[in-house]
Protein backbone atom coordinates (compact mmCIF):
# COMPACT_ATOMS: atom_id res chain seq x y z
CA LEU A 1 -14.76 -11.97 12.17
CA LYS A 2 -15.87 -8.35 11.91
CA ASP A 3 -12.71 -7.44 9.98
CA MET A 4 -13.28 -10.30 7.56
CA LEU A 5 -16.91 -9.29 6.88
CA THR A 6 -15.94 -5.70 6.11
CA ARG A 7 -13.41 -6.66 3.45
CA PRO A 8 -14.72 -5.66 0.02
CA VAL A 9 -14.11 -9.14 -1.41
CA VAL A 10 -16.65 -10.52 1.12
CA LEU A 11 -18.90 -7.50 1.70
CA TRP A 12 -19.87 -6.68 -1.87
CA PRO A 13 -20.89 -10.15 -3.08
CA ILE A 14 -23.03 -10.61 0.04
CA THR A 15 -24.54 -7.13 -0.36
CA ILE A 16 -25.32 -7.58 -4.05
CA GLY A 17 -26.67 -11.10 -3.49
CA GLY A 18 -28.89 -9.91 -0.63
CA ILE A 19 -30.29 -7.02 -2.65
CA ALA A 20 -30.92 -9.27 -5.65
CA PHE A 21 -32.66 -11.82 -3.43
CA LEU A 22 -34.94 -9.14 -1.92
CA PHE A 23 -35.92 -7.94 -5.40
CA TYR A 24 -36.49 -11.52 -6.54
CA LEU A 25 -38.80 -12.26 -3.60
CA ALA A 26 -40.63 -8.97 -4.21
CA PHE A 27 -41.08 -9.91 -7.87
CA LEU A 28 -42.48 -13.34 -6.97
CA SER A 29 -44.94 -11.84 -4.46
CA LEU A 30 -46.13 -9.10 -6.82
CA ARG A 31 -46.46 -11.58 -9.70
CA GLY A 32 -48.53 -13.87 -7.46
CA ALA A 33 -50.74 -10.94 -6.45
CA ALA A 34 -51.30 -9.98 -10.09
CA ARG A 35 -52.10 -13.58 -11.02
CA ASP A 36 -54.61 -13.93 -8.16
CA TRP A 37 -56.24 -10.61 -8.97
CA ARG A 38 -56.59 -11.42 -12.70
CA ALA A 39 -58.13 -14.85 -11.99
CA ASP A 40 -61.24 -13.72 -10.09
CA PRO A 41 -60.81 -11.55 -7.03
CA LEU A 42 -64.11 -12.62 -5.47
CA ALA A 43 -63.76 -16.35 -6.11
CA GLN A 44 -62.98 -18.92 -3.47
CA PRO A 45 -59.44 -20.24 -3.99
CA ALA A 46 -58.88 -23.94 -4.35
CA PRO A 47 -58.40 -25.61 -0.99
CA ALA A 48 -54.78 -26.07 -0.05
CA PRO A 49 -53.54 -29.60 0.49
CA VAL A 50 -53.72 -30.54 4.15
CA ALA A 51 -50.38 -31.36 5.73
CA ARG A 52 -49.90 -33.17 9.00
CA ALA A 53 -49.08 -30.55 11.61
CA GLY A 54 -46.47 -32.72 13.32
CA GLY A 55 -44.64 -33.46 10.08
CA ALA A 56 -44.72 -29.84 8.98
CA TYR A 57 -43.43 -28.71 12.38
CA LEU A 58 -40.62 -31.29 12.35
CA THR A 59 -39.61 -30.28 8.83
CA GLY A 60 -39.50 -26.60 9.80
CA LEU A 61 -37.57 -27.35 12.98
CA LEU A 62 -34.97 -29.44 11.15
CA MET A 63 -34.60 -26.84 8.40
CA THR A 64 -33.96 -24.18 11.04
CA LEU A 65 -31.57 -26.28 13.10
CA LEU A 66 -29.53 -27.24 10.04
CA ASN A 67 -29.46 -23.77 8.51
CA PRO A 68 -25.88 -22.43 8.72
CA MET A 69 -27.16 -18.84 8.80
CA THR A 70 -29.28 -19.59 11.87
CA LEU A 71 -26.38 -21.29 13.61
CA GLY A 72 -24.05 -18.43 12.73
CA PHE A 73 -26.55 -15.91 14.04
CA TRP A 74 -27.07 -17.62 17.39
CA PHE A 75 -23.46 -18.67 18.01
CA LEU A 76 -21.56 -15.72 16.48
CA ALA A 77 -23.68 -12.62 15.92
CA VAL A 78 -25.74 -12.66 19.13
CA PRO A 79 -22.78 -13.20 21.51
CA ALA A 80 -20.77 -10.53 19.66
CA ALA A 81 -23.65 -8.04 19.89
CA VAL A 82 -24.28 -8.82 23.56
CA GLY A 83 -20.59 -8.40 24.33
CA ALA A 84 -20.68 -4.95 22.75
CA ILE A 85 -23.76 -3.66 24.64
CA THR A 86 -23.48 -5.06 28.15
CA GLN A 87 -21.01 -4.95 31.02
CA ASP A 88 -21.51 -8.62 31.97
CA PRO A 89 -22.07 -10.62 28.76
CA THR A 90 -21.70 -14.02 30.45
CA ASN A 91 -24.72 -13.41 32.68
CA ASP A 92 -26.71 -11.26 30.23
CA LEU A 93 -26.44 -13.53 27.16
CA PRO A 94 -28.95 -16.17 28.37
CA MET A 95 -31.49 -13.47 29.31
CA ILE A 96 -31.13 -11.71 25.95
CA CYS A 97 -31.40 -15.00 24.04
CA ALA A 98 -34.51 -15.93 26.03
CA GLY A 99 -36.01 -12.51 25.25
CA VAL A 100 -35.29 -12.88 21.54
CA PHE A 101 -36.78 -16.39 21.59
CA ILE A 102 -39.95 -15.25 23.39
CA GLY A 103 -40.32 -12.26 21.07
CA THR A 104 -39.87 -14.45 18.00
CA LEU A 105 -42.33 -17.03 19.29
CA ALA A 106 -44.89 -14.31 20.07
CA TRP A 107 -44.50 -12.85 16.58
CA VAL A 108 -44.85 -16.23 14.84
CA VAL A 109 -47.90 -17.24 16.90
CA THR A 110 -49.57 -13.85 16.43
CA PHE A 111 -48.84 -13.75 12.71
CA ALA A 112 -49.95 -17.35 12.10
CA GLY A 113 -53.05 -16.83 14.24
CA THR A 114 -53.99 -13.68 12.35
CA LEU A 115 -53.57 -15.45 9.01
CA ALA A 116 -55.63 -18.42 10.23
CA TRP A 117 -58.37 -16.08 11.47
CA ALA A 118 -58.40 -14.07 8.23
CA GLY A 119 -58.24 -17.29 6.19
CA ARG A 120 -61.79 -18.13 7.22
CA TRP A 121 -62.98 -15.84 4.45
CA ARG A 122 -60.64 -17.43 1.88
CA ARG A 123 -61.21 -14.96 -0.89
CA ALA A 124 -58.69 -14.55 -3.69
CA TRP A 125 -58.66 -10.76 -3.20
CA TRP A 126 -57.40 -11.23 0.36
CA LEU A 127 -54.55 -13.45 -0.81
CA ALA A 128 -53.75 -11.02 -3.63
CA ALA A 129 -53.70 -8.11 -1.17
CA ALA A 130 -51.40 -10.01 1.22
CA ASP A 131 -49.02 -10.83 -1.65
CA ALA A 132 -49.10 -7.22 -2.88
CA VAL A 133 -48.32 -5.80 0.56
CA GLY A 134 -45.56 -8.35 1.16
CA GLY A 135 -44.04 -7.75 -2.27
CA SER A 136 -44.15 -3.97 -1.77
CA VAL A 137 -42.42 -4.24 1.61
CA LEU A 138 -39.72 -6.50 0.15
CA PHE A 139 -39.23 -4.08 -2.74
CA CYS A 140 -38.86 -1.18 -0.28
CA PHE A 141 -36.28 -3.13 1.74
CA GLY A 142 -34.40 -3.85 -1.49
CA MET A 143 -34.43 -0.17 -2.43
CA ILE A 144 -33.23 0.88 1.04
CA GLU A 145 -30.34 -1.58 0.88
CA LEU A 146 -29.50 -0.51 -2.67
CA TRP A 147 -29.42 3.11 -1.50
CA ARG A 148 -27.17 2.21 1.45
CA ALA A 149 -24.80 0.24 -0.78
CA THR A 150 -24.67 3.10 -3.27
CA ARG A 151 -23.84 5.54 -0.45
CA LEU A 152 -20.95 3.29 0.63
CA LEU A 153 -19.49 3.48 -2.85
CA LEU A 154 -19.64 7.27 -3.02
C-alpha cells in the first residue's frame, strides 16, 4: 500500500486535491466572516433551527461509519503505523486505538462545550471572529502543504 501511495500518478492528484480543498474551505470561512462582519457585528444573529439531538447524532454516526476515508484510516493506516512503532503490535493496537478514541472524544466534547458556552452571547462578531480564525488556520495549512509539495518537486 505504501508503494502505491508514493507513485506520482496517485500522490500528485491527492496532494493537489487536498491543497485545493484546504484553500476552498479557507475561502468559505473567510467569506462567511466578512459577510457576518459587514452585516452588523454587534447584532444578535438569527436563531439557528433546532435539530433533534438524537437524529443529529445518528446522522453524524452513520456518516462517519460509512465514510471510506474513516474506514481506511482505522483499518489500514492505524495498524500500519502501530506496526512500525511498537515491538508487539498485536497487543499494542487495541491500547493505541482506545487512546486515540479517548483523545478524540475529549477534544470533541471540549470543543463543543466551549462553543456552547461561548454561544450564550450569540453576537455576530463572535461568529465572524471564529470564522476568521478557522479560515486563517486552514489557509496556513494549505500554504504549508503547498510549500511541502513544491519542495518535493525541486
